Amino acid sequence: MNEFNVVGCCFEKHGERILEIFNDAILNSTALYEYEERTLAKVEQWFKVKEEGSFPVIGFENAQGVLMGFVTYGAFRNFPANAYTVEHSVYIHKDYRGLGLGFKLMQEIIQAAKKNGIHTMIGGIDAQNEGSIRLHEKLGFRLVGTLPEVGFKFDRWLDLAFYQIILSH
């Protein structure tokens, strides 16, 4: 695999690349249940929300400083009792998939969550996304529930599977 550096992502340096990664996921996958491409202004707002919530955005850059993928987490149900539970997301640029970056990024965000006192992490995964499901199971996540037909994209109904890992006991 190519060499890479772990970086904290910021809008100024990574905004355009993250926009490209998000929009590829929107147009070509069920990783995001969205129809319309995002704008750079929406990505800037997304970074502000991450900053305000003290939610990390961790990326891997290659030796040339190009962002290959990123991982983050945010609030899971925005109620006080849910303060120690987060929902994460991980995205790899199409040119760097299949290199094991998703696994390594997930290890980074799990460590960050533990350091930040997070008790449990949730992943909402399209139930037909076998690659993401295998990744999460390999990391110790387990299926805790599936919501049938809660999304509609690419002319079909989508089931949303929730995977969870408990980080502290």
N, C-alpha and C. Protein backbone atom coordinates (compact mmCIF):
# COMPACT_ATOMS: atom_id res chain seq x y z
N MET A 1 0.85 -1.19 0.00
CA MET A 1 0.00 0.00 0.00
C MET A 1 0.89 1.24 0.00
N ASN A 2 0.34 2.31 -0.57
CA ASN A 2 1.08 3.58 -0.59
C ASN A 2 1.30 4.08 0.82
N GLU A 3 2.34 4.86 0.98
CA GLU A 3 2.59 5.52 2.26
C GLU A 3 1.50 6.56 2.50
N PHE A 4 1.19 6.80 3.77
CA PHE A 4 0.21 7.83 4.07
C PHE A 4 0.51 8.46 5.41
N ASN A 5 -0.02 9.65 5.60
CA ASN A 5 0.11 10.39 6.85
C ASN A 5 -1.27 10.60 7.43
N VAL A 6 -1.40 10.45 8.75
CA VAL A 6 -2.64 10.73 9.45
C VAL A 6 -2.71 12.24 9.67
N VAL A 7 -3.84 12.85 9.29
CA VAL A 7 -4.00 14.29 9.44
C VAL A 7 -5.37 14.62 10.02
N GLY A 8 -5.43 15.73 10.71
CA GLY A 8 -6.71 16.30 11.09
C GLY A 8 -7.18 17.15 9.93
N CYS A 9 -8.34 16.84 9.41
CA CYS A 9 -8.83 17.55 8.23
C CYS A 9 -9.41 18.90 8.60
N CYS A 10 -9.27 19.86 7.70
CA CYS A 10 -9.86 21.18 7.86
C CYS A 10 -10.43 21.63 6.52
N PHE A 11 -11.38 22.54 6.59
CA PHE A 11 -12.05 22.99 5.38
C PHE A 11 -11.07 23.62 4.39
N GLU A 12 -10.20 24.46 4.89
CA GLU A 12 -9.31 25.20 4.01
C GLU A 12 -8.43 24.28 3.16
N LYS A 13 -7.93 23.24 3.76
CA LYS A 13 -7.03 22.34 3.02
C LYS A 13 -7.77 21.19 2.34
N HIS A 14 -8.82 20.68 2.96
CA HIS A 14 -9.44 19.44 2.49
C HIS A 14 -10.88 19.58 1.98
N GLY A 15 -11.44 20.76 2.08
CA GLY A 15 -12.85 20.95 1.72
C GLY A 15 -13.21 20.49 0.32
N GLU A 16 -12.42 20.89 -0.66
CA GLU A 16 -12.74 20.53 -2.05
C GLU A 16 -12.62 19.03 -2.28
N ARG A 17 -11.63 18.40 -1.68
CA ARG A 17 -11.45 16.96 -1.85
C ARG A 17 -12.57 16.20 -1.14
N ILE A 18 -12.96 16.64 0.04
CA ILE A 18 -14.06 15.99 0.75
C ILE A 18 -15.36 16.17 -0.04
N LEU A 19 -15.55 17.33 -0.64
CA LEU A 19 -16.72 17.54 -1.51
C LEU A 19 -16.72 16.53 -2.65
N GLU A 20 -15.57 16.32 -3.26
CA GLU A 20 -15.47 15.35 -4.36
C GLU A 20 -15.82 13.94 -3.87
N ILE A 21 -15.32 13.56 -2.70
CA ILE A 21 -15.59 12.24 -2.15
C ILE A 21 -17.07 12.08 -1.81
N PHE A 22 -17.66 13.09 -1.15
CA PHE A 22 -19.09 13.04 -0.83
C PHE A 22 -19.92 12.91 -2.11
N ASN A 23 -19.63 13.74 -3.10
CA ASN A 23 -20.46 13.75 -4.30
C ASN A 23 -20.34 12.45 -5.09
N ASP A 24 -19.18 11.83 -5.08
CA ASP A 24 -19.06 10.52 -5.71
C ASP A 24 -19.95 9.51 -4.99
N ALA A 25 -19.96 9.55 -3.66
CA ALA A 25 -20.80 8.64 -2.87
C ALA A 25 -22.28 8.90 -3.14
N ILE A 26 -22.67 10.16 -3.27
CA ILE A 26 -24.07 10.50 -3.53
C ILE A 26 -24.50 9.99 -4.90
N LEU A 27 -23.68 10.22 -5.90
CA LEU A 27 -24.05 9.88 -7.28
C LEU A 27 -23.93 8.40 -7.61
N ASN A 28 -23.05 7.68 -6.92
CA ASN A 28 -22.71 6.33 -7.36
C ASN A 28 -22.90 5.24 -6.32
N SER A 29 -23.45 5.56 -5.16
CA SER A 29 -23.59 4.53 -4.13
C SER A 29 -24.79 4.81 -3.24
N THR A 30 -25.03 3.90 -2.33
CA THR A 30 -26.06 4.10 -1.32
C THR A 30 -25.42 4.39 0.04
N ALA A 31 -24.16 4.81 0.03
CA ALA A 31 -23.49 5.17 1.28
C ALA A 31 -24.12 6.42 1.89
N LEU A 32 -24.63 7.30 1.06
CA LEU A 32 -25.37 8.48 1.51
C LEU A 32 -26.76 8.42 0.88
N TYR A 33 -27.77 8.60 1.69
CA TYR A 33 -29.15 8.57 1.19
C TYR A 33 -29.54 9.97 0.73
N GLU A 34 -28.75 10.51 -0.17
CA GLU A 34 -28.99 11.83 -0.74
C GLU A 34 -29.09 11.70 -2.25
N TYR A 35 -29.78 12.66 -2.88
CA TYR A 35 -29.92 12.67 -4.33
C TYR A 35 -29.07 13.75 -4.99
N GLU A 36 -29.01 14.91 -4.35
CA GLU A 36 -28.35 16.07 -4.94
C GLU A 36 -26.92 16.20 -4.45
N GLU A 37 -26.03 16.54 -5.37
CA GLU A 37 -24.65 16.77 -4.99
C GLU A 37 -24.57 17.91 -3.97
N ARG A 38 -23.61 17.82 -3.09
CA ARG A 38 -23.38 18.88 -2.12
C ARG A 38 -22.61 20.02 -2.78
N THR A 39 -22.62 21.15 -2.13
CA THR A 39 -21.86 22.31 -2.60
C THR A 39 -20.70 22.55 -1.63
N LEU A 40 -19.76 23.35 -2.05
CA LEU A 40 -18.64 23.68 -1.18
C LEU A 40 -19.14 24.42 0.07
N ALA A 41 -20.17 25.24 -0.09
CA ALA A 41 -20.74 25.95 1.07
C ALA A 41 -21.32 24.95 2.08
N LYS A 42 -21.94 23.86 1.60
CA LYS A 42 -22.47 22.85 2.52
C LYS A 42 -21.35 22.11 3.25
N VAL A 43 -20.24 21.88 2.55
CA VAL A 43 -19.10 21.22 3.19
C VAL A 43 -18.49 22.15 4.24
N GLU A 44 -18.45 23.44 3.93
CA GLU A 44 -17.94 24.40 4.92
C GLU A 44 -18.81 24.39 6.17
N GLN A 45 -20.13 24.36 6.00
CA GLN A 45 -21.05 24.29 7.14
C GLN A 45 -20.87 22.97 7.89
N TRP A 46 -20.67 21.88 7.17
CA TRP A 46 -20.43 20.57 7.78
C TRP A 46 -19.20 20.64 8.69
N PHE A 47 -18.13 21.28 8.22
CA PHE A 47 -16.92 21.43 9.05
C PHE A 47 -17.21 22.28 10.28
N LYS A 48 -18.03 23.31 10.15
CA LYS A 48 -18.37 24.16 11.31
C LYS A 48 -19.10 23.35 12.37
N VAL A 49 -20.03 22.50 11.94
CA VAL A 49 -20.77 21.64 12.87
C VAL A 49 -19.81 20.69 13.57
N LYS A 50 -18.87 20.13 12.83
CA LYS A 50 -17.88 19.23 13.43
C LYS A 50 -17.05 19.98 14.47
N GLU A 51 -16.62 21.18 14.13
CA GLU A 51 -15.81 21.97 15.06
C GLU A 51 -16.60 22.35 16.31
N GLU A 52 -17.84 22.82 16.12
CA GLU A 52 -18.67 23.21 17.25
C GLU A 52 -18.94 22.05 18.20
N GLY A 53 -19.06 20.84 17.66
CA GLY A 53 -19.33 19.67 18.48
C GLY A 53 -18.07 18.98 18.98
N SER A 54 -16.91 19.53 18.65
CA SER A 54 -15.62 18.90 18.97
C SER A 54 -15.54 17.48 18.40
N PHE A 55 -16.08 17.31 17.19
CA PHE A 55 -16.07 16.02 16.51
C PHE A 55 -14.87 15.97 15.56
N PRO A 56 -14.00 14.98 15.71
CA PRO A 56 -12.81 14.91 14.86
C PRO A 56 -13.15 14.54 13.41
N VAL A 57 -12.35 15.04 12.49
CA VAL A 57 -12.36 14.61 11.10
C VAL A 57 -10.92 14.20 10.80
N ILE A 58 -10.71 12.90 10.69
CA ILE A 58 -9.36 12.35 10.53
C ILE A 58 -9.21 11.84 9.11
N GLY A 59 -8.10 12.20 8.49
CA GLY A 59 -7.87 11.76 7.12
C GLY A 59 -6.52 11.12 6.94
N PHE A 60 -6.36 10.48 5.82
CA PHE A 60 -5.07 9.95 5.38
C PHE A 60 -4.69 10.69 4.11
N GLU A 61 -3.50 11.28 4.10
CA GLU A 61 -2.93 11.90 2.91
C GLU A 61 -1.81 11.02 2.39
N ASN A 62 -1.67 10.97 1.07
CA ASN A 62 -0.54 10.24 0.51
C ASN A 62 0.72 11.10 0.59
N ALA A 63 1.83 10.60 0.10
CA ALA A 63 3.12 11.30 0.21
C ALA A 63 3.09 12.66 -0.49
N GLN A 64 2.19 12.83 -1.44
CA GLN A 64 2.06 14.10 -2.16
C GLN A 64 1.08 15.06 -1.48
N GLY A 65 0.53 14.66 -0.34
CA GLY A 65 -0.40 15.52 0.38
C GLY A 65 -1.83 15.47 -0.12
N VAL A 66 -2.17 14.44 -0.90
CA VAL A 66 -3.52 14.29 -1.44
C VAL A 66 -4.36 13.45 -0.47
N LEU A 67 -5.52 13.96 -0.10
CA LEU A 67 -6.42 13.24 0.81
C LEU A 67 -6.96 12.00 0.11
N MET A 68 -6.74 10.84 0.73
CA MET A 68 -7.18 9.56 0.16
C MET A 68 -8.50 9.09 0.76
N GLY A 69 -8.81 9.54 1.96
CA GLY A 69 -10.04 9.14 2.63
C GLY A 69 -10.13 9.83 3.98
N PHE A 70 -11.31 9.77 4.58
CA PHE A 70 -11.50 10.40 5.88
C PHE A 70 -12.56 9.66 6.67
N VAL A 71 -12.54 9.91 7.98
CA VAL A 71 -13.49 9.32 8.90
C VAL A 71 -13.87 10.38 9.93
N THR A 72 -15.07 10.32 10.41
CA THR A 72 -15.53 11.29 11.40
C THR A 72 -16.65 10.67 12.22
N TYR A 73 -17.06 11.38 13.23
CA TYR A 73 -18.29 11.02 13.92
C TYR A 73 -19.02 12.29 14.32
N GLY A 74 -20.29 12.11 14.65
CA GLY A 74 -21.12 13.22 15.09
C GLY A 74 -22.17 12.71 16.05
N ALA A 75 -23.06 13.59 16.42
CA ALA A 75 -24.10 13.26 17.39
C ALA A 75 -24.99 12.14 16.87
N PHE A 76 -25.36 11.26 17.78
CA PHE A 76 -26.38 10.26 17.52
C PHE A 76 -27.57 10.64 18.36
N ARG A 77 -28.62 11.10 17.75
CA ARG A 77 -29.79 11.63 18.47
C ARG A 77 -29.33 12.71 19.43
N ASN A 78 -29.69 13.90 19.14
CA ASN A 78 -29.17 15.07 19.84
C ASN A 78 -29.94 15.36 21.14
N PHE A 79 -29.84 14.41 22.09
CA PHE A 79 -30.45 14.57 23.40
C PHE A 79 -29.34 14.40 24.45
N PRO A 80 -29.48 15.04 25.62
CA PRO A 80 -28.43 14.94 26.64
C PRO A 80 -28.06 13.50 27.01
N ALA A 81 -29.03 12.63 27.10
CA ALA A 81 -28.74 11.25 27.50
C ALA A 81 -27.94 10.48 26.46
N ASN A 82 -27.87 11.00 25.23
CA ASN A 82 -27.11 10.34 24.17
C ASN A 82 -25.72 10.95 23.97
N ALA A 83 -25.26 11.75 24.92
CA ALA A 83 -24.00 12.47 24.77
C ALA A 83 -22.79 11.56 24.60
N TYR A 84 -22.88 10.32 25.05
CA TYR A 84 -21.73 9.41 24.99
C TYR A 84 -21.86 8.39 23.87
N THR A 85 -22.79 8.63 22.97
CA THR A 85 -22.98 7.79 21.80
C THR A 85 -22.81 8.65 20.56
N VAL A 86 -22.06 8.14 19.59
CA VAL A 86 -21.84 8.87 18.34
C VAL A 86 -22.14 7.97 17.16
N GLU A 87 -22.43 8.61 16.03
CA GLU A 87 -22.58 7.90 14.77
C GLU A 87 -21.42 8.31 13.88
N HIS A 88 -20.76 7.34 13.32
CA HIS A 88 -19.58 7.63 12.50
C HIS A 88 -19.86 7.44 11.02
N SER A 89 -18.94 7.96 10.22
CA SER A 89 -18.95 7.71 8.78
C SER A 89 -17.52 7.68 8.29
N VAL A 90 -17.28 6.85 7.29
CA VAL A 90 -15.95 6.69 6.70
C VAL A 90 -16.09 6.65 5.19
N TYR A 91 -15.24 7.40 4.51
CA TYR A 91 -15.29 7.50 3.05
C TYR A 91 -13.88 7.42 2.49
N ILE A 92 -13.73 6.65 1.44
CA ILE A 92 -12.45 6.51 0.75
C ILE A 92 -12.64 7.03 -0.68
N HIS A 93 -11.69 7.84 -1.14
CA HIS A 93 -11.72 8.32 -2.53
C HIS A 93 -11.67 7.11 -3.47
N LYS A 94 -12.42 7.18 -4.56
CA LYS A 94 -12.55 6.04 -5.48
C LYS A 94 -11.20 5.52 -5.98
N ASP A 95 -10.19 6.36 -6.06
CA ASP A 95 -8.87 5.93 -6.55
C ASP A 95 -8.07 5.15 -5.51
N TYR A 96 -8.55 5.10 -4.27
CA TYR A 96 -7.77 4.47 -3.19
C TYR A 96 -8.54 3.35 -2.48
N ARG A 97 -9.64 2.92 -3.05
CA ARG A 97 -10.41 1.84 -2.42
C ARG A 97 -9.69 0.51 -2.60
N GLY A 98 -9.93 -0.40 -1.66
CA GLY A 98 -9.36 -1.73 -1.75
C GLY A 98 -7.95 -1.84 -1.21
N LEU A 99 -7.46 -0.80 -0.55
CA LEU A 99 -6.10 -0.80 -0.01
C LEU A 99 -6.07 -0.98 1.50
N GLY A 100 -7.21 -1.18 2.12
CA GLY A 100 -7.26 -1.34 3.57
C GLY A 100 -7.33 -0.03 4.33
N LEU A 101 -7.54 1.08 3.64
CA LEU A 101 -7.57 2.38 4.31
C LEU A 101 -8.78 2.53 5.22
N GLY A 102 -9.92 1.97 4.82
CA GLY A 102 -11.13 2.08 5.63
C GLY A 102 -10.92 1.46 7.01
N PHE A 103 -10.28 0.30 7.05
CA PHE A 103 -10.01 -0.37 8.31
C PHE A 103 -9.10 0.48 9.19
N LYS A 104 -8.04 1.00 8.60
CA LYS A 104 -7.08 1.82 9.37
C LYS A 104 -7.72 3.14 9.83
N LEU A 105 -8.54 3.75 8.99
CA LEU A 105 -9.24 4.97 9.40
C LEU A 105 -10.20 4.69 10.54
N MET A 106 -10.91 3.56 10.45
CA MET A 106 -11.83 3.21 11.53
C MET A 106 -11.08 2.97 12.84
N GLN A 107 -9.91 2.37 12.78
CA GLN A 107 -9.11 2.19 13.99
C GLN A 107 -8.76 3.55 14.59
N GLU A 108 -8.44 4.52 13.73
CA GLU A 108 -8.11 5.87 14.20
C GLU A 108 -9.30 6.52 14.91
N ILE A 109 -10.48 6.43 14.31
CA ILE A 109 -11.64 7.11 14.90
C ILE A 109 -12.10 6.41 16.17
N ILE A 110 -11.94 5.10 16.24
CA ILE A 110 -12.28 4.38 17.46
C ILE A 110 -11.37 4.83 18.59
N GLN A 111 -10.08 4.97 18.32
CA GLN A 111 -9.14 5.44 19.34
C GLN A 111 -9.47 6.87 19.77
N ALA A 112 -9.80 7.72 18.81
CA ALA A 112 -10.18 9.11 19.12
C ALA A 112 -11.43 9.14 19.99
N ALA A 113 -12.41 8.29 19.67
CA ALA A 113 -13.65 8.24 20.45
C ALA A 113 -13.36 7.80 21.88
N LYS A 114 -12.54 6.78 22.03
CA LYS A 114 -12.18 6.33 23.39
C LYS A 114 -11.50 7.44 24.17
N LYS A 115 -10.57 8.12 23.52
CA LYS A 115 -9.85 9.23 24.17
C LYS A 115 -10.81 10.34 24.58
N ASN A 116 -11.87 10.53 23.80
CA ASN A 116 -12.84 11.58 24.07
C ASN A 116 -13.99 11.13 24.97
N GLY A 117 -13.87 9.95 25.57
CA GLY A 117 -14.87 9.50 26.54
C GLY A 117 -16.16 8.99 25.93
N ILE A 118 -16.13 8.62 24.66
CA ILE A 118 -17.32 8.09 24.01
C ILE A 118 -17.52 6.64 24.46
N HIS A 119 -18.75 6.27 24.78
CA HIS A 119 -19.06 4.93 25.26
C HIS A 119 -19.40 3.97 24.12
N THR A 120 -20.17 4.43 23.15
CA THR A 120 -20.59 3.54 22.06
C THR A 120 -20.62 4.29 20.74
N MET A 121 -20.34 3.54 19.68
CA MET A 121 -20.32 4.09 18.33
C MET A 121 -21.28 3.30 17.46
N ILE A 122 -22.05 4.03 16.65
CA ILE A 122 -23.06 3.45 15.78
C ILE A 122 -22.68 3.73 14.33
N GLY A 123 -22.92 2.76 13.48
CA GLY A 123 -22.78 2.95 12.03
C GLY A 123 -24.09 2.59 11.37
N GLY A 124 -24.64 3.51 10.59
CA GLY A 124 -25.83 3.24 9.79
C GLY A 124 -25.37 2.86 8.39
N ILE A 125 -25.62 1.61 7.99
CA ILE A 125 -25.07 1.07 6.75
C ILE A 125 -26.21 0.54 5.89
N ASP A 126 -26.18 0.86 4.61
CA ASP A 126 -27.15 0.26 3.70
C ASP A 126 -26.99 -1.25 3.80
N ALA A 127 -28.08 -1.96 4.02
CA ALA A 127 -28.03 -3.39 4.31
C ALA A 127 -27.46 -4.22 3.17
N GLN A 128 -27.35 -3.66 1.99
CA GLN A 128 -26.76 -4.40 0.87
C GLN A 128 -25.28 -4.04 0.65
N ASN A 129 -24.74 -3.19 1.49
CA ASN A 129 -23.33 -2.79 1.37
C ASN A 129 -22.45 -3.81 2.09
N GLU A 130 -22.22 -4.92 1.42
CA GLU A 130 -21.51 -6.05 2.04
C GLU A 130 -20.09 -5.69 2.44
N GLY A 131 -19.42 -4.85 1.66
CA GLY A 131 -18.05 -4.46 1.99
C GLY A 131 -17.99 -3.70 3.30
N SER A 132 -18.89 -2.75 3.49
CA SER A 132 -18.91 -1.98 4.72
C SER A 132 -19.31 -2.85 5.91
N ILE A 133 -20.24 -3.75 5.69
CA ILE A 133 -20.67 -4.66 6.76
C ILE A 133 -19.50 -5.54 7.19
N ARG A 134 -18.76 -6.10 6.23
CA ARG A 134 -17.59 -6.93 6.58
C ARG A 134 -16.56 -6.12 7.35
N LEU A 135 -16.31 -4.88 6.90
CA LEU A 135 -15.36 -4.01 7.57
C LEU A 135 -15.76 -3.81 9.04
N HIS A 136 -17.01 -3.48 9.26
CA HIS A 136 -17.47 -3.22 10.63
C HIS A 136 -17.42 -4.47 11.50
N GLU A 137 -17.81 -5.60 10.95
CA GLU A 137 -17.75 -6.84 11.72
C GLU A 137 -16.30 -7.18 12.08
N LYS A 138 -15.38 -6.95 11.17
CA LYS A 138 -13.96 -7.21 11.42
C LYS A 138 -13.44 -6.35 12.58
N LEU A 139 -14.02 -5.17 12.75
CA LEU A 139 -13.62 -4.25 13.81
C LEU A 139 -14.33 -4.52 15.14
N GLY A 140 -15.27 -5.46 15.14
CA GLY A 140 -15.98 -5.80 16.37
C GLY A 140 -17.36 -5.20 16.50
N PHE A 141 -17.84 -4.52 15.47
CA PHE A 141 -19.21 -4.01 15.48
C PHE A 141 -20.15 -5.21 15.30
N ARG A 142 -21.36 -5.07 15.86
CA ARG A 142 -22.35 -6.11 15.66
C ARG A 142 -23.67 -5.49 15.22
N LEU A 143 -24.40 -6.25 14.44
CA LEU A 143 -25.71 -5.81 13.97
C LEU A 143 -26.66 -5.73 15.15
N VAL A 144 -27.29 -4.55 15.33
CA VAL A 144 -28.23 -4.38 16.43
C VAL A 144 -29.65 -4.10 15.95
N GLY A 145 -29.81 -3.94 14.65
CA GLY A 145 -31.16 -3.74 14.13
C GLY A 145 -31.14 -3.28 12.68
N THR A 146 -32.22 -3.59 11.98
CA THR A 146 -32.36 -3.18 10.59
C THR A 146 -33.74 -2.55 10.42
N LEU A 147 -33.76 -1.39 9.79
CA LEU A 147 -35.01 -0.70 9.47
C LEU A 147 -35.31 -0.95 8.00
N PRO A 148 -36.34 -1.74 7.71
CA PRO A 148 -36.65 -2.07 6.32
C PRO A 148 -37.23 -0.89 5.54
N GLU A 149 -36.78 -0.75 4.33
CA GLU A 149 -37.34 0.18 3.34
C GLU A 149 -37.50 1.60 3.86
N VAL A 150 -36.46 2.14 4.50
CA VAL A 150 -36.52 3.51 4.99
C VAL A 150 -35.88 4.51 4.03
N GLY A 151 -35.25 4.01 2.98
CA GLY A 151 -34.67 4.87 1.97
C GLY A 151 -35.11 4.42 0.59
N PHE A 152 -35.09 5.37 -0.36
CA PHE A 152 -35.42 5.03 -1.74
C PHE A 152 -34.41 5.72 -2.64
N LYS A 153 -33.62 4.94 -3.35
CA LYS A 153 -32.59 5.49 -4.22
C LYS A 153 -32.33 4.49 -5.34
N PHE A 154 -32.00 5.00 -6.50
CA PHE A 154 -31.72 4.15 -7.67
C PHE A 154 -32.90 3.23 -7.96
N ASP A 155 -34.11 3.77 -7.82
CA ASP A 155 -35.35 3.06 -8.15
C ASP A 155 -35.59 1.80 -7.31
N ARG A 156 -35.10 1.80 -6.08
CA ARG A 156 -35.37 0.66 -5.21
C ARG A 156 -35.41 1.12 -3.76
N TRP A 157 -36.11 0.32 -2.95
CA TRP A 157 -36.18 0.57 -1.51
C TRP A 157 -34.91 0.07 -0.85
N LEU A 158 -34.45 0.82 0.16
CA LEU A 158 -33.21 0.49 0.86
C LEU A 158 -33.48 0.21 2.33
N ASP A 159 -32.86 -0.84 2.83
CA ASP A 159 -32.92 -1.17 4.25
C ASP A 159 -31.68 -0.59 4.93
N LEU A 160 -31.87 -0.02 6.11
CA LEU A 160 -30.78 0.59 6.85
C LEU A 160 -30.44 -0.29 8.05
N ALA A 161 -29.20 -0.81 8.05
CA ALA A 161 -28.73 -1.67 9.14
C ALA A 161 -27.89 -0.84 10.10
N PHE A 162 -28.15 -1.03 11.39
CA PHE A 162 -27.37 -0.33 12.41
C PHE A 162 -26.39 -1.30 13.05
N TYR A 163 -25.13 -0.91 13.03
CA TYR A 163 -24.05 -1.68 13.65
C TYR A 163 -23.50 -0.87 14.80
N GLN A 164 -23.16 -1.56 15.89
CA GLN A 164 -22.72 -0.88 17.12
C GLN A 164 -21.49 -1.57 17.69
N ILE A 165 -20.62 -0.74 18.27
CA ILE A 165 -19.52 -1.24 19.09
C ILE A 165 -19.55 -0.48 20.39
N ILE A 166 -19.41 -1.18 21.49
CA ILE A 166 -19.32 -0.54 22.81
C ILE A 166 -17.84 -0.41 23.11
N LEU A 167 -17.43 0.82 23.39
CA LEU A 167 -16.01 1.14 23.54
C LEU A 167 -15.52 1.06 24.97
N SER A 168 -16.42 1.19 25.94
CA SER A 168 -16.00 1.17 27.34
C SER A 168 -17.02 0.36 28.15
N HIS A 169 -16.53 -0.25 29.18
CA HIS A 169 -17.41 -1.00 30.10
C HIS A 169 -17.13 -0.61 31.51
